[in-house]
């Protein structure tokens, strides 16, 4: 596997998923019971199973012994534990929540991203000024230093749009028309942001399409914003990322992915074509400048 994919997020997810499987299918014990047996907090085990934190080999062995796993399984999972500590570039930013660190790592490893946004421009496409205005309005009352760090992370993520190694990821991005109509910052900031979208949509691996108000209700009206991440074969299952103000959901069961795929297909059918989207972006940018 290429070194570009060897950040900690993928092995954390893989190891956490296997530990959860052993607990549920082999030991058949609730999370709280397993944690109590080891004098751990339930939160510690929860975060390990979600892949949000590094996992020590010693803790893997304790869990496997508790669940009654065979020696071969214990050895294989313990060998995976050191990989959960490998750092990506985003670990240099202390203000990034653990659940978002996990997302960035998965985003780095993904081969195809399908995104739907209802209120804000996709993070990978935001300009510095737009991102700064977004974080400045956060209800979390972020300090100027934290805002600067989070903007820097957002701009660094934009390199995925043109990264060639190990793979050039495909982006299919759907946005409600509300995203370009609701001002974020000044008119000049919005005009520049819309031109950035039009420019990015010319990239061979990027599709950006708007869903006009005239469409009416559609599949995305019931889902809210989400990102679907597909990965190279056997690396990770398709994962749906749904973000909130205090955390995020990572949905990777086949039935969950299927339902969001149906919603995304509905969005695709409702959206303007790429050329019509670029025209609308250009007209709206001029409106912000007038």
C-alpha atoms as a PDB file:
ATOM      1  CA  UNK A   1       0.000   0.000   0.000  1.00  0.00           C
ATOM      2  CA  UNK A   2       1.293   3.451  -0.862  1.00  0.00           C
ATOM      3  CA  UNK A   3       2.706   5.548   2.002  1.00  0.00           C
ATOM      4  CA  UNK A   4       0.145   8.246   1.180  1.00  0.00           C
ATOM      5  CA  UNK A   5      -2.557   5.908   2.444  1.00  0.00           C
ATOM      6  CA  UNK A   6      -0.705   4.800   5.557  1.00  0.00           C
ATOM      7  CA  UNK A   7      -2.052   7.380   7.981  1.00  0.00           C
ATOM      8  CA  UNK A   8      -3.600   6.122  11.185  1.00  0.00           C
ATOM      9  CA  UNK A   9      -7.269   6.572  10.267  1.00  0.00           C
ATOM     10  CA  UNK A  10      -7.642   3.444   8.149  1.00  0.00           C
ATOM     11  CA  UNK A  11      -5.937   1.021  10.591  1.00  0.00           C
ATOM     12  CA  UNK A  12      -7.810   2.616  13.513  1.00  0.00           C
ATOM     13  CA  UNK A  13     -11.091   1.966  11.723  1.00  0.00           C
ATOM     14  CA  UNK A  14     -10.080  -1.553  10.747  1.00  0.00           C
ATOM     15  CA  UNK A  15      -8.940  -2.494  14.235  1.00  0.00           C
ATOM     16  CA  UNK A  16     -11.909  -0.871  15.946  1.00  0.00           C
ATOM     17  CA  UNK A  17     -14.311  -2.667  13.617  1.00  0.00           C
ATOM     18  CA  UNK A  18     -12.695  -6.053  14.339  1.00  0.00           C
ATOM     19  CA  UNK A  19     -12.771  -5.493  18.096  1.00  0.00           C
ATOM     20  CA  UNK A  20     -16.446  -4.550  17.894  1.00  0.00           C
ATOM     21  CA  UNK A  21     -17.152  -7.661  15.820  1.00  0.00           C
ATOM     22  CA  UNK A  22     -15.439  -9.910  18.405  1.00  0.00           C
ATOM     23  CA  UNK A  23     -17.397  -8.314  21.235  1.00  0.00           C
ATOM     24  CA  UNK A  24     -20.760  -8.553  19.502  1.00  0.00           C
ATOM     25  CA  UNK A  25     -20.472 -11.889  17.708  1.00  0.00           C
ATOM     26  CA  UNK A  26     -18.033 -13.929  19.779  1.00  0.00           C
ATOM     27  CA  UNK A  27     -18.403 -12.696  23.359  1.00  0.00           C
ATOM     28  CA  UNK A  28     -21.938 -11.290  22.907  1.00  0.00           C
ATOM     29  CA  UNK A  29     -21.498  -8.708  25.636  1.00  0.00           C
ATOM     30  CA  UNK A  30     -22.572  -5.035  25.703  1.00  0.00           C
ATOM     31  CA  UNK A  31     -19.942  -2.346  25.416  1.00  0.00           C
ATOM     32  CA  UNK A  32     -20.557  -1.196  28.991  1.00  0.00           C
ATOM     33  CA  UNK A  33     -20.053  -4.723  30.362  1.00  0.00           C
ATOM     34  CA  UNK A  34     -16.758  -5.206  28.506  1.00  0.00           C
ATOM     35  CA  UNK A  35     -15.458  -1.841  29.700  1.00  0.00           C
ATOM     36  CA  UNK A  36     -16.432  -2.566  33.281  1.00  0.00           C
ATOM     37  CA  UNK A  37     -14.608  -5.922  33.213  1.00  0.00           C
ATOM     38  CA  UNK A  38     -11.374  -4.089  32.413  1.00  0.00           C
ATOM     39  CA  UNK A  39     -12.016  -1.143  34.750  1.00  0.00           C
ATOM     40  CA  UNK A  40     -12.277   1.163  31.749  1.00  0.00           C
ATOM     41  CA  UNK A  41     -14.754   3.905  31.055  1.00  0.00           C
ATOM     42  CA  UNK A  42     -17.384   3.058  28.468  1.00  0.00           C
ATOM     43  CA  UNK A  43     -16.224   6.126  26.526  1.00  0.00           C
ATOM     44  CA  UNK A  44     -12.720   4.692  26.143  1.00  0.00           C
ATOM     45  CA  UNK A  45     -13.992   1.494  24.536  1.00  0.00           C
ATOM     46  CA  UNK A  46     -16.513   3.405  22.434  1.00  0.00           C
ATOM     47  CA  UNK A  47     -13.803   5.627  20.948  1.00  0.00           C
ATOM     48  CA  UNK A  48     -11.555   2.618  20.304  1.00  0.00           C
ATOM     49  CA  UNK A  49     -14.312   0.795  18.424  1.00  0.00           C
ATOM     50  CA  UNK A  50     -15.103   3.913  16.392  1.00  0.00           C
ATOM     51  CA  UNK A  51     -11.463   4.272  15.381  1.00  0.00           C
ATOM     52  CA  UNK A  52     -11.138   7.710  16.937  1.00  0.00           C
ATOM     53  CA  UNK A  53      -8.002   7.052  19.011  1.00  0.00           C
ATOM     54  CA  UNK A  54      -4.734   5.084  18.804  1.00  0.00           C
ATOM     55  CA  UNK A  55      -4.973   1.620  20.363  1.00  0.00           C
ATOM     56  CA  UNK A  56      -2.179   0.002  22.365  1.00  0.00           C
ATOM     57  CA  UNK A  57      -1.249  -3.597  21.587  1.00  0.00           C
ATOM     58  CA  UNK A  58      -1.618  -4.401  25.305  1.00  0.00           C
ATOM     59  CA  UNK A  59      -5.227  -3.211  25.240  1.00  0.00           C
ATOM     60  CA  UNK A  60      -5.926  -5.274  22.133  1.00  0.00           C
ATOM     61  CA  UNK A  61      -4.646  -8.377  23.913  1.00  0.00           C
ATOM     62  CA  UNK A  62      -6.781  -7.655  26.992  1.00  0.00           C
ATOM     63  CA  UNK A  63      -9.907  -7.276  24.879  1.00  0.00           C
ATOM     64  CA  UNK A  64      -9.208 -10.369  22.797  1.00  0.00           C
ATOM     65  CA  UNK A  65      -8.662 -12.457  25.923  1.00  0.00           C
ATOM     66  CA  UNK A  66     -11.867 -11.105  27.439  1.00  0.00           C
ATOM     67  CA  UNK A  67     -13.796 -11.990  24.270  1.00  0.00           C
ATOM     68  CA  UNK A  68     -12.245 -15.467  23.962  1.00  0.00           C
ATOM     69  CA  UNK A  69     -10.489 -14.866  20.632  1.00  0.00           C
ATOM     70  CA  UNK A  70      -8.047 -17.480  19.340  1.00  0.00           C
ATOM     71  CA  UNK A  71      -4.277 -16.909  19.369  1.00  0.00           C
ATOM     72  CA  UNK A  72      -4.063 -16.251  15.618  1.00  0.00           C
ATOM     73  CA  UNK A  73      -6.639 -13.460  15.899  1.00  0.00           C
ATOM     74  CA  UNK A  74      -4.912 -11.965  18.941  1.00  0.00           C
ATOM     75  CA  UNK A  75      -1.552 -11.861  17.150  1.00  0.00           C
ATOM     76  CA  UNK A  76      -3.007 -10.357  13.953  1.00  0.00           C
ATOM     77  CA  UNK A  77      -4.901  -7.578  15.731  1.00  0.00           C
ATOM     78  CA  UNK A  78      -2.041  -6.784  18.112  1.00  0.00           C
ATOM     79  CA  UNK A  79       0.260  -6.406  15.095  1.00  0.00           C
ATOM     80  CA  UNK A  80      -2.164  -3.826  13.637  1.00  0.00           C
ATOM     81  CA  UNK A  81      -2.121  -1.703  16.808  1.00  0.00           C
ATOM     82  CA  UNK A  82       1.175   0.179  16.138  1.00  0.00           C
ATOM     83  CA  UNK A  83      -0.220   1.396  12.801  1.00  0.00           C
ATOM     84  CA  UNK A  84      -2.988   3.226  14.675  1.00  0.00           C
ATOM     85  CA  UNK A  85      -0.344   5.629  16.007  1.00  0.00           C
ATOM     86  CA  UNK A  86       1.064   6.723  12.654  1.00  0.00           C
ATOM     87  CA  UNK A  87       0.590  10.453  12.105  1.00  0.00           C
ATOM     88  CA  UNK A  88      -0.666  12.425   9.139  1.00  0.00           C
ATOM     89  CA  UNK A  89       0.086  16.069   8.404  1.00  0.00           C
ATOM     90  CA  UNK A  90      -3.093  17.161  10.238  1.00  0.00           C
ATOM     91  CA  UNK A  91      -1.788  15.925  13.598  1.00  0.00           C
ATOM     92  CA  UNK A  92       0.318  19.080  13.771  1.00  0.00           C
ATOM     93  CA  UNK A  93      -2.871  21.075  14.402  1.00  0.00           C
ATOM     94  CA  UNK A  94      -3.836  20.606  18.041  1.00  0.00           C
ATOM     95  CA  UNK A  95      -7.227  22.298  17.690  1.00  0.00           C
ATOM     96  CA  UNK A  96      -8.669  19.629  15.347  1.00  0.00           C
ATOM     97  CA  UNK A  97     -11.199  17.354  17.120  1.00  0.00           C
ATOM     98  CA  UNK A  98     -10.378  13.619  17.081  1.00  0.00           C
ATOM     99  CA  UNK A  99     -13.476  12.778  15.048  1.00  0.00           C
ATOM    100  CA  UNK A 100     -12.465  15.260  12.357  1.00  0.00           C
ATOM    101  CA  UNK A 101      -8.897  13.919  12.347  1.00  0.00           C
ATOM    102  CA  UNK A 102     -10.464  10.552  11.551  1.00  0.00           C
ATOM    103  CA  UNK A 103     -12.412  12.048   8.667  1.00  0.00           C
ATOM    104  CA  UNK A 104      -9.350  13.773   7.180  1.00  0.00           C
ATOM    105  CA  UNK A 105      -7.460  10.496   7.243  1.00  0.00           C
ATOM    106  CA  UNK A 106     -10.288   8.692   5.483  1.00  0.00           C
ATOM    107  CA  UNK A 107     -10.605  11.550   2.999  1.00  0.00           C
ATOM    108  CA  UNK A 108      -6.894  11.185   2.198  1.00  0.00           C
ATOM    109  CA  UNK A 109      -7.342   7.460   1.520  1.00  0.00           C
ATOM    110  CA  UNK A 110     -10.576   7.720  -0.513  1.00  0.00           C
ATOM    111  CA  UNK A 111     -10.655   7.152  -4.257  1.00  0.00           C
ATOM    112  CA  UNK A 112     -14.109   8.689  -4.792  1.00  0.00           C
ATOM    113  CA  UNK A 113     -16.020  11.268  -2.748  1.00  0.00           C
ATOM    114  CA  UNK A 114     -19.716  11.973  -3.253  1.00  0.00           C
ATOM    115  CA  UNK A 115     -20.760  15.090  -1.351  1.00  0.00           C
ATOM    116  CA  UNK A 116     -24.003  16.917  -0.726  1.00  0.00           C
ATOM    117  CA  UNK A 117     -24.049  20.332   0.977  1.00  0.00           C
ATOM    118  CA  UNK A 118     -27.103  22.304   2.005  1.00  0.00           C
ATOM    119  CA  UNK A 119     -25.703  25.527   3.497  1.00  0.00           C
ATOM    120  CA  UNK A 120     -21.955  25.893   2.971  1.00  0.00           C
ATOM    121  CA  UNK A 121     -19.440  25.263   0.221  1.00  0.00           C
ATOM    122  CA  UNK A 122     -17.559  21.967   0.477  1.00  0.00           C
ATOM    123  CA  UNK A 123     -14.539  22.368   2.759  1.00  0.00           C
ATOM    124  CA  UNK A 124     -12.059  21.277   0.095  1.00  0.00           C
ATOM    125  CA  UNK A 125     -13.287  24.097  -2.176  1.00  0.00           C
ATOM    126  CA  UNK A 126     -13.430  26.994   0.263  1.00  0.00           C
ATOM    127  CA  UNK A 127     -11.225  30.054  -0.218  1.00  0.00           C
ATOM    128  CA  UNK A 128      -9.232  31.372   2.727  1.00  0.00           C
ATOM    129  CA  UNK A 129     -11.548  34.367   3.180  1.00  0.00           C
ATOM    130  CA  UNK A 130     -14.728  32.291   2.966  1.00  0.00           C
ATOM    131  CA  UNK A 131     -13.409  29.672   5.440  1.00  0.00           C
ATOM    132  CA  UNK A 132     -12.317  32.412   7.856  1.00  0.00           C
ATOM    133  CA  UNK A 133     -15.804  33.960   7.746  1.00  0.00           C
ATOM    134  CA  UNK A 134     -17.391  30.555   8.384  1.00  0.00           C
ATOM    135  CA  UNK A 135     -15.270  29.765  11.443  1.00  0.00           C
ATOM    136  CA  UNK A 136     -15.659  33.302  12.776  1.00  0.00           C
ATOM    137  CA  UNK A 137     -19.427  32.672  13.060  1.00  0.00           C
ATOM    138  CA  UNK A 138     -19.055  29.343  14.852  1.00  0.00           C
ATOM    139  CA  UNK A 139     -21.263  29.065  17.963  1.00  0.00           C
ATOM    140  CA  UNK A 140     -18.230  27.501  19.662  1.00  0.00           C
ATOM    141  CA  UNK A 141     -16.685  31.011  19.871  1.00  0.00           C
ATOM    142  CA  UNK A 142     -13.326  29.946  18.441  1.00  0.00           C
ATOM    143  CA  UNK A 143     -10.249  32.048  19.231  1.00  0.00           C
ATOM    144  CA  UNK A 144      -8.387  33.776  16.391  1.00  0.00           C
ATOM    145  CA  UNK A 145      -5.557  31.250  16.805  1.00  0.00           C
ATOM    146  CA  UNK A 146      -7.900  28.260  16.466  1.00  0.00           C
ATOM    147  CA  UNK A 147      -9.644  29.848  13.481  1.00  0.00           C
ATOM    148  CA  UNK A 148      -6.289  30.318  11.780  1.00  0.00           C
ATOM    149  CA  UNK A 149      -5.371  26.678  12.391  1.00  0.00           C
ATOM    150  CA  UNK A 150      -8.662  25.345  11.077  1.00  0.00           C
ATOM    151  CA  UNK A 151      -8.490  27.519   7.979  1.00  0.00           C
ATOM    152  CA  UNK A 152      -4.955  26.226   7.352  1.00  0.00           C
ATOM    153  CA  UNK A 153      -6.222  22.634   7.561  1.00  0.00           C
ATOM    154  CA  UNK A 154      -9.039  23.430   5.156  1.00  0.00           C
ATOM    155  CA  UNK A 155      -6.648  24.914   2.612  1.00  0.00           C
ATOM    156  CA  UNK A 156      -4.281  21.963   2.945  1.00  0.00           C
ATOM    157  CA  UNK A 157      -7.152  19.567   2.208  1.00  0.00           C
ATOM    158  CA  UNK A 158      -7.691  21.328  -1.129  1.00  0.00           C
ATOM    159  CA  UNK A 159      -4.514  19.671  -2.423  1.00  0.00           C
ATOM    160  CA  UNK A 160      -6.551  16.478  -2.834  1.00  0.00           C
ATOM    161  CA  UNK A 161      -8.231  18.058  -5.862  1.00  0.00           C
ATOM    162  CA  UNK A 162      -5.036  17.874  -7.894  1.00  0.00           C
ATOM    163  CA  UNK A 163      -3.024  15.182  -6.082  1.00  0.00           C
ATOM    164  CA  UNK A 164      -1.709  12.575  -8.515  1.00  0.00           C
ATOM    165  CA  UNK A 165      -0.101  10.075  -6.114  1.00  0.00           C
ATOM    166  CA  UNK A 166      -1.067   7.439  -5.149  1.00  0.00           C
ATOM    167  CA  UNK A 167      -4.349   8.163  -6.951  1.00  0.00           C
ATOM    168  CA  UNK A 168      -6.247  11.187  -8.239  1.00  0.00           C
ATOM    169  CA  UNK A 169      -9.510  11.053  -6.262  1.00  0.00           C
ATOM    170  CA  UNK A 170     -12.824  11.671  -7.985  1.00  0.00           C
ATOM    171  CA  UNK A 171     -15.124  14.359  -6.525  1.00  0.00           C
ATOM    172  CA  UNK A 172     -18.841  14.484  -7.294  1.00  0.00           C
ATOM    173  CA  UNK A 173     -20.223  17.468  -5.380  1.00  0.00           C
ATOM    174  CA  UNK A 174     -23.874  18.495  -5.173  1.00  0.00           C
ATOM    175  CA  UNK A 175     -24.901  21.746  -3.496  1.00  0.00           C
ATOM    176  CA  UNK A 176     -28.267  23.365  -2.932  1.00  0.00           C
ATOM    177  CA  UNK A 177     -28.701  26.750  -4.577  1.00  0.00           C
ATOM    178  CA  UNK A 178     -28.984  28.135  -1.027  1.00  0.00           C
ATOM    179  CA  UNK A 179     -25.216  27.630  -0.696  1.00  0.00           C
ATOM    180  CA  UNK A 180     -24.507  30.354  -3.273  1.00  0.00           C
ATOM    181  CA  UNK A 181     -27.421  32.615  -2.305  1.00  0.00           C
ATOM    182  CA  UNK A 182     -26.717  32.902   1.430  1.00  0.00           C
ATOM    183  CA  UNK A 183     -23.882  35.448   1.892  1.00  0.00           C
ATOM    184  CA  UNK A 184     -20.855  34.362   3.890  1.00  0.00           C
ATOM    185  CA  UNK A 185     -18.788  37.447   4.583  1.00  0.00           C
ATOM    186  CA  UNK A 186     -18.800  40.311   2.092  1.00  0.00           C
ATOM    187  CA  UNK A 187     -19.995  40.388  -1.489  1.00  0.00           C
ATOM    188  CA  UNK A 188     -16.379  40.335  -2.651  1.00  0.00           C
ATOM    189  CA  UNK A 189     -15.722  37.181  -0.611  1.00  0.00           C
ATOM    190  CA  UNK A 190     -18.758  35.471  -2.126  1.00  0.00           C
ATOM    191  CA  UNK A 191     -17.870  36.505  -5.674  1.00  0.00           C
ATOM    192  CA  UNK A 192     -14.349  35.130  -5.285  1.00  0.00           C
ATOM    193  CA  UNK A 193     -15.697  31.928  -3.764  1.00  0.00           C
ATOM    194  CA  UNK A 194     -18.121  31.337  -6.629  1.00  0.00           C
ATOM    195  CA  UNK A 195     -15.355  31.891  -9.167  1.00  0.00           C
ATOM    196  CA  UNK A 196     -13.274  29.348  -7.258  1.00  0.00           C
ATOM    197  CA  UNK A 197     -16.094  26.823  -7.627  1.00  0.00           C
ATOM    198  CA  UNK A 198     -16.386  27.463 -11.355  1.00  0.00           C
ATOM    199  CA  UNK A 199     -12.627  27.111 -11.752  1.00  0.00           C
ATOM    200  CA  UNK A 200     -12.489  23.840  -9.786  1.00  0.00           C
ATOM    201  CA  UNK A 201     -15.364  22.405 -11.819  1.00  0.00           C
ATOM    202  CA  UNK A 202     -13.102  22.496 -14.893  1.00  0.00           C
ATOM    203  CA  UNK A 203     -10.764  19.913 -13.342  1.00  0.00           C
ATOM    204  CA  UNK A 204     -11.117  16.502 -15.020  1.00  0.00           C
ATOM    205  CA  UNK A 205     -11.777  14.696 -11.727  1.00  0.00           C
ATOM    206  CA  UNK A 206     -14.216  17.226 -10.240  1.00  0.00           C
ATOM    207  CA  UNK A 207     -17.940  17.569 -10.912  1.00  0.00           C
ATOM    208  CA  UNK A 208     -19.818  20.419  -9.210  1.00  0.00           C
ATOM    209  CA  UNK A 209     -23.554  20.687  -9.734  1.00  0.00           C
ATOM    210  CA  UNK A 210     -26.187  22.918  -8.161  1.00  0.00           C
ATOM    211  CA  UNK A 211     -29.719  21.922  -7.258  1.00  0.00           C
ATOM    212  CA  UNK A 212     -31.916  24.936  -8.086  1.00  0.00           C
ATOM    213  CA  UNK A 213     -34.747  26.157  -5.878  1.00  0.00           C
ATOM    214  CA  UNK A 214     -37.131  25.369  -8.729  1.00  0.00           C
ATOM    215  CA  UNK A 215     -36.530  21.646  -8.195  1.00  0.00           C
ATOM    216  CA  UNK A 216     -38.657  21.678  -5.057  1.00  0.00           C
ATOM    217  CA  UNK A 217     -38.320  18.891  -2.508  1.00  0.00           C
ATOM    218  CA  UNK A 218     -35.842  16.134  -3.368  1.00  0.00           C
ATOM    219  CA  UNK A 219     -33.980  13.234  -1.742  1.00  0.00           C
ATOM    220  CA  UNK A 220     -31.466  15.481  -0.022  1.00  0.00           C
ATOM    221  CA  UNK A 221     -34.243  17.465   1.650  1.00  0.00           C
ATOM    222  CA  UNK A 222     -34.589  14.570   4.103  1.00  0.00           C
ATOM    223  CA  UNK A 223     -30.930  13.705   4.650  1.00  0.00           C
ATOM    224  CA  UNK A 224     -29.107  16.963   5.333  1.00  0.00           C
ATOM    225  CA  UNK A 225     -25.467  17.361   4.299  1.00  0.00           C
ATOM    226  CA  UNK A 226     -23.314  14.244   3.972  1.00  0.00           C
ATOM    227  CA  UNK A 227     -20.163  12.886   2.360  1.00  0.00           C
ATOM    228  CA  UNK A 228     -19.841   9.364   0.960  1.00  0.00           C
ATOM    229  CA  UNK A 229     -16.308   7.998   0.760  1.00  0.00           C
ATOM    230  CA  UNK A 230     -15.404   5.067  -1.488  1.00  0.00           C
ATOM    231  CA  UNK A 231     -11.992   3.419  -1.201  1.00  0.00           C
ATOM    232  CA  UNK A 232      -9.638   1.298  -3.293  1.00  0.00           C
ATOM    233  CA  UNK A 233     -10.632  -2.378  -3.237  1.00  0.00           C
ATOM    234  CA  UNK A 234     -10.642  -4.018   0.206  1.00  0.00           C
ATOM    235  CA  UNK A 235      -9.145  -0.986   1.966  1.00  0.00           C
ATOM    236  CA  UNK A 236     -12.341   0.200   3.686  1.00  0.00           C
ATOM    237  CA  UNK A 237     -16.072  -0.210   3.136  1.00  0.00           C
ATOM    238  CA  UNK A 238     -18.007   2.711   1.676  1.00  0.00           C
ATOM    239  CA  UNK A 239     -18.454   5.133   4.579  1.00  0.00           C
ATOM    240  CA  UNK A 240     -20.993   7.918   5.010  1.00  0.00           C
ATOM    241  CA  UNK A 241     -19.818  10.908   7.051  1.00  0.00           C
ATOM    242  CA  UNK A 242     -22.444  13.093   8.718  1.00  0.00           C
ATOM    243  CA  UNK A 243     -21.079  16.013  10.739  1.00  0.00           C
ATOM    244  CA  UNK A 244     -22.602  17.837  13.708  1.00  0.00           C
ATOM    245  CA  UNK A 245     -21.392  20.634  15.935  1.00  0.00           C
ATOM    246  CA  UNK A 246     -20.019  18.323  18.645  1.00  0.00           C
ATOM    247  CA  UNK A 247     -19.135  15.202  16.681  1.00  0.00           C
ATOM    248  CA  UNK A 248     -19.827  13.107  13.629  1.00  0.00           C
ATOM    249  CA  UNK A 249     -21.309   9.809  12.494  1.00  0.00           C
ATOM    250  CA  UNK A 250     -19.349   7.334  10.369  1.00  0.00           C
ATOM    251  CA  UNK A 251     -21.884   4.966   8.824  1.00  0.00           C
ATOM    252  CA  UNK A 252     -20.382   1.937   7.099  1.00  0.00           C
ATOM    253  CA  UNK A 253     -22.984  -0.814   7.144  1.00  0.00           C
ATOM    254  CA  UNK A 254     -23.998  -1.901   3.610  1.00  0.00           C
ATOM    255  CA  UNK A 255     -27.652  -0.993   4.176  1.00  0.00           C
ATOM    256  CA  UNK A 256     -26.662   2.515   5.317  1.00  0.00           C
ATOM    257  CA  UNK A 257     -24.444   3.071   2.289  1.00  0.00           C
ATOM    258  CA  UNK A 258     -27.208   1.810   0.008  1.00  0.00           C
ATOM    259  CA  UNK A 259     -29.747   4.282   1.374  1.00  0.00           C
ATOM    260  CA  UNK A 260     -27.411   7.236   0.970  1.00  0.00           C
ATOM    261  CA  UNK A 261     -26.513   6.052  -2.522  1.00  0.00           C
ATOM    262  CA  UNK A 262     -30.208   6.156  -3.400  1.00  0.00           C
ATOM    263  CA  UNK A 263     -30.430   9.698  -1.992  1.00  0.00           C
ATOM    264  CA  UNK A 264     -27.370  10.789  -3.963  1.00  0.00           C
ATOM    265  CA  UNK A 265     -28.786   9.308  -7.156  1.00  0.00           C
ATOM    266  CA  UNK A 266     -31.930  11.364  -6.560  1.00  0.00           C
ATOM    267  CA  UNK A 267     -29.808  14.482  -6.084  1.00  0.00           C
ATOM    268  CA  UNK A 268     -27.968  13.742  -9.319  1.00  0.00           C
ATOM    269  CA  UNK A 269     -31.252  13.537 -11.205  1.00  0.00           C
ATOM    270  CA  UNK A 270     -32.435  16.848  -9.706  1.00  0.00           C
ATOM    271  CA  UNK A 271     -29.257  18.876 -10.252  1.00  0.00           C
ATOM    272  CA  UNK A 272     -28.331  21.202 -13.090  1.00  0.00           C
ATOM    273  CA  UNK A 273     -25.695  19.983 -15.524  1.00  0.00           C
ATOM    274  CA  UNK A 274     -22.114  21.125 -15.086  1.00  0.00           C
ATOM    275  CA  UNK A 275     -22.274  23.762 -17.825  1.00  0.00           C
ATOM    276  CA  UNK A 276     -25.531  25.212 -16.481  1.00  0.00           C
ATOM    277  CA  UNK A 277     -24.022  25.214 -12.985  1.00  0.00           C
ATOM    278  CA  UNK A 278     -21.000  27.196 -14.182  1.00  0.00           C
ATOM    279  CA  UNK A 279     -23.301  29.705 -15.856  1.00  0.00           C
ATOM    280  CA  UNK A 280     -25.298  30.164 -12.661  1.00  0.00           C
ATOM    281  CA  UNK A 281     -22.106  30.564 -10.628  1.00  0.00           C
ATOM    282  CA  UNK A 282     -20.838  33.246 -13.017  1.00  0.00           C
ATOM    283  CA  UNK A 283     -24.137  35.188 -12.993  1.00  0.00           C
ATOM    284  CA  UNK A 284     -24.398  35.059  -9.226  1.00  0.00           C
ATOM    285  CA  UNK A 285     -20.776  36.185  -8.784  1.00  0.00           C
ATOM    286  CA  UNK A 286     -21.574  39.293 -10.871  1.00  0.00           C
ATOM    287  CA  UNK A 287     -24.623  39.974  -8.707  1.00  0.00           C
ATOM    288  CA  UNK A 288     -22.424  39.957  -5.580  1.00  0.00           C
ATOM    289  CA  UNK A 289     -20.065  42.439  -7.231  1.00  0.00           C
ATOM    290  CA  UNK A 290     -22.768  44.925  -8.225  1.00  0.00           C
END
